[in-house]
Amino acid sequence: MEALKDLLSTEVRARRVQLGLTQRDLADMAGVSERFVRFVEQGKPSIQLDSLTAVLDTLGIELRLTTRTSQAARAINDAAAPNTGEAQS
């Protein structure tokens, strides 16, 4: 989760600067508070998703979700796999 916060904060800040916007400009355009924009750029852990998507949409940043094997999925798969006595990778 830390990597996502770091990536979001870096991308939002870089795009805002690239567009020549202040934090206040971005906040006004996205309909959020300047404090919220500051929190996003600082990678604060608790931000509202609807406000975040408004900021990303305003900057033209697309947030994509993809499926990857999670720790929970690996545990479920390992538990379901038959134990043949051989080492599994």
C-alpha atoms as a PDB file:
ATOM      1  CA  MET A   1       0.000   0.000   0.000  1.00  0.00           C
ATOM      2  CA  GLU A   2       2.932   2.297   0.702  1.00  0.00           C
ATOM      3  CA  ALA A   3       4.072   2.032  -2.926  1.00  0.00           C
ATOM      4  CA  LEU A   4       0.619   3.101  -4.168  1.00  0.00           C
ATOM      5  CA  LYS A   5       0.585   6.185  -1.925  1.00  0.00           C
ATOM      6  CA  ASP A   6       4.080   7.117  -3.077  1.00  0.00           C
ATOM      7  CA  LEU A   7       3.181   6.630  -6.730  1.00  0.00           C
ATOM      8  CA  LEU A   8      -0.043   8.630  -6.451  1.00  0.00           C
ATOM      9  CA  SER A   9       1.572  11.507  -4.597  1.00  0.00           C
ATOM     10  CA  THR A  10       4.460  11.700  -7.061  1.00  0.00           C
ATOM     11  CA  GLU A  11       2.229  11.490 -10.149  1.00  0.00           C
ATOM     12  CA  VAL A  12      -0.297  14.056  -8.900  1.00  0.00           C
ATOM     13  CA  ARG A  13       2.391  16.560  -7.925  1.00  0.00           C
ATOM     14  CA  ALA A  14       4.336  16.093 -11.168  1.00  0.00           C
ATOM     15  CA  ARG A  15       1.252  16.458 -13.371  1.00  0.00           C
ATOM     16  CA  ARG A  16       0.017  19.506 -11.466  1.00  0.00           C
ATOM     17  CA  VAL A  17       3.391  21.210 -11.852  1.00  0.00           C
ATOM     18  CA  GLN A  18       3.584  20.174 -15.518  1.00  0.00           C
ATOM     19  CA  LEU A  19       0.215  21.861 -16.105  1.00  0.00           C
ATOM     20  CA  GLY A  20       1.361  24.985 -14.267  1.00  0.00           C
ATOM     21  CA  LEU A  21      -1.309  24.697 -11.590  1.00  0.00           C
ATOM     22  CA  THR A  22      -1.039  25.660  -7.952  1.00  0.00           C
ATOM     23  CA  GLN A  23      -2.547  23.413  -5.329  1.00  0.00           C
ATOM     24  CA  ARG A  24      -5.333  26.007  -4.981  1.00  0.00           C
ATOM     25  CA  ASP A  25      -5.966  25.968  -8.766  1.00  0.00           C
ATOM     26  CA  LEU A  26      -6.242  22.190  -8.791  1.00  0.00           C
ATOM     27  CA  ALA A  27      -8.486  22.165  -5.734  1.00  0.00           C
ATOM     28  CA  ASP A  28     -10.850  24.714  -7.289  1.00  0.00           C
ATOM     29  CA  MET A  29     -10.981  22.847 -10.606  1.00  0.00           C
ATOM     30  CA  ALA A  30     -11.566  19.447  -8.952  1.00  0.00           C
ATOM     31  CA  GLY A  31     -14.066  20.754  -6.406  1.00  0.00           C
ATOM     32  CA  VAL A  32     -12.009  19.688  -3.400  1.00  0.00           C
ATOM     33  CA  SER A  33     -10.181  21.604  -0.690  1.00  0.00           C
ATOM     34  CA  GLU A  34      -6.623  22.806  -1.075  1.00  0.00           C
ATOM     35  CA  ARG A  35      -5.887  20.832   2.094  1.00  0.00           C
ATOM     36  CA  PHE A  36      -7.071  17.656   0.358  1.00  0.00           C
ATOM     37  CA  VAL A  37      -4.734  18.269  -2.598  1.00  0.00           C
ATOM     38  CA  ARG A  38      -1.894  18.814  -0.135  1.00  0.00           C
ATOM     39  CA  PHE A  39      -2.760  15.531   1.613  1.00  0.00           C
ATOM     40  CA  VAL A  40      -2.727  13.638  -1.695  1.00  0.00           C
ATOM     41  CA  GLU A  41       0.653  15.119  -2.601  1.00  0.00           C
ATOM     42  CA  GLN A  42       2.009  14.215   0.840  1.00  0.00           C
ATOM     43  CA  GLY A  43       0.748  10.629   0.568  1.00  0.00           C
ATOM     44  CA  LYS A  44      -1.499  10.868   3.626  1.00  0.00           C
ATOM     45  CA  PRO A  45      -2.992   7.458   4.403  1.00  0.00           C
ATOM     46  CA  SER A  46      -6.674   8.384   4.721  1.00  0.00           C
ATOM     47  CA  ILE A  47      -8.135  10.222   1.769  1.00  0.00           C
ATOM     48  CA  GLN A  48     -11.619   9.948   0.305  1.00  0.00           C
ATOM     49  CA  LEU A  49     -11.757   7.950  -2.901  1.00  0.00           C
ATOM     50  CA  ASP A  50     -14.403  10.146  -4.560  1.00  0.00           C
ATOM     51  CA  SER A  51     -12.307  13.251  -3.931  1.00  0.00           C
ATOM     52  CA  LEU A  52      -9.177  11.476  -5.144  1.00  0.00           C
ATOM     53  CA  THR A  53     -10.863  10.430  -8.390  1.00  0.00           C
ATOM     54  CA  ALA A  54     -12.004  14.048  -8.935  1.00  0.00           C
ATOM     55  CA  VAL A  55      -8.392  15.223  -8.604  1.00  0.00           C
ATOM     56  CA  LEU A  56      -7.081  12.492 -10.900  1.00  0.00           C
ATOM     57  CA  ASP A  57      -9.797  13.187 -13.475  1.00  0.00           C
ATOM     58  CA  THR A  58      -9.012  16.905 -13.423  1.00  0.00           C
ATOM     59  CA  LEU A  59      -5.336  16.166 -14.086  1.00  0.00           C
ATOM     60  CA  GLY A  60      -6.082  13.569 -16.772  1.00  0.00           C
ATOM     61  CA  ILE A  61      -4.574  10.740 -14.725  1.00  0.00           C
ATOM     62  CA  GLU A  62      -6.206   7.354 -15.091  1.00  0.00           C
ATOM     63  CA  LEU A  63      -6.219   5.024 -12.114  1.00  0.00           C
ATOM     64  CA  ARG A  64      -6.277   1.386 -13.195  1.00  0.00           C
ATOM     65  CA  LEU A  65      -6.839  -1.647 -11.074  1.00  0.00           C
ATOM     66  CA  THR A  66      -5.407  -4.963 -12.150  1.00  0.00           C
ATOM     67  CA  THR A  67      -5.579  -8.363 -10.565  1.00  0.00           C
ATOM     68  CA  ARG A  68      -2.414  -9.832  -9.138  1.00  0.00           C
ATOM     69  CA  THR A  69      -1.828 -12.781  -6.896  1.00  0.00           C
ATOM     70  CA  SER A  70      -2.188 -11.559  -3.350  1.00  0.00           C
ATOM     71  CA  GLN A  71      -0.865 -13.086  -0.180  1.00  0.00           C
ATOM     72  CA  ALA A  72      -4.392 -14.279   0.656  1.00  0.00           C
ATOM     73  CA  ALA A  73      -4.865 -15.897  -2.762  1.00  0.00           C
ATOM     74  CA  ARG A  74      -1.536 -17.715  -2.461  1.00  0.00           C
ATOM     75  CA  ALA A  75      -2.535 -19.028   0.963  1.00  0.00           C
ATOM     76  CA  ILE A  76      -5.866 -20.290  -0.379  1.00  0.00           C
ATOM     77  CA  ASN A  77      -4.186 -21.932  -3.378  1.00  0.00           C
ATOM     78  CA  ASP A  78      -1.551 -23.543  -1.156  1.00  0.00           C
ATOM     79  CA  ALA A  79      -4.240 -24.902   1.179  1.00  0.00           C
ATOM     80  CA  ALA A  80      -6.237 -26.319  -1.746  1.00  0.00           C
ATOM     81  CA  ALA A  81      -3.239 -27.943  -3.441  1.00  0.00           C
ATOM     82  CA  PRO A  82      -2.899 -31.671  -2.787  1.00  0.00           C
ATOM     83  CA  ASN A  83       0.048 -32.507  -0.573  1.00  0.00           C
ATOM     84  CA  THR A  84       2.141 -35.013  -2.524  1.00  0.00           C
ATOM     85  CA  GLY A  85       5.176 -34.736  -0.282  1.00  0.00           C
ATOM     86  CA  GLU A  86       7.051 -32.855  -2.965  1.00  0.00           C
ATOM     87  CA  ALA A  87       8.226 -29.280  -2.558  1.00  0.00           C
ATOM     88  CA  GLN A  88       5.998 -26.779  -4.299  1.00  0.00           C
ATOM     89  CA  SER A  89       7.188 -23.583  -5.897  1.00  0.00           C
END
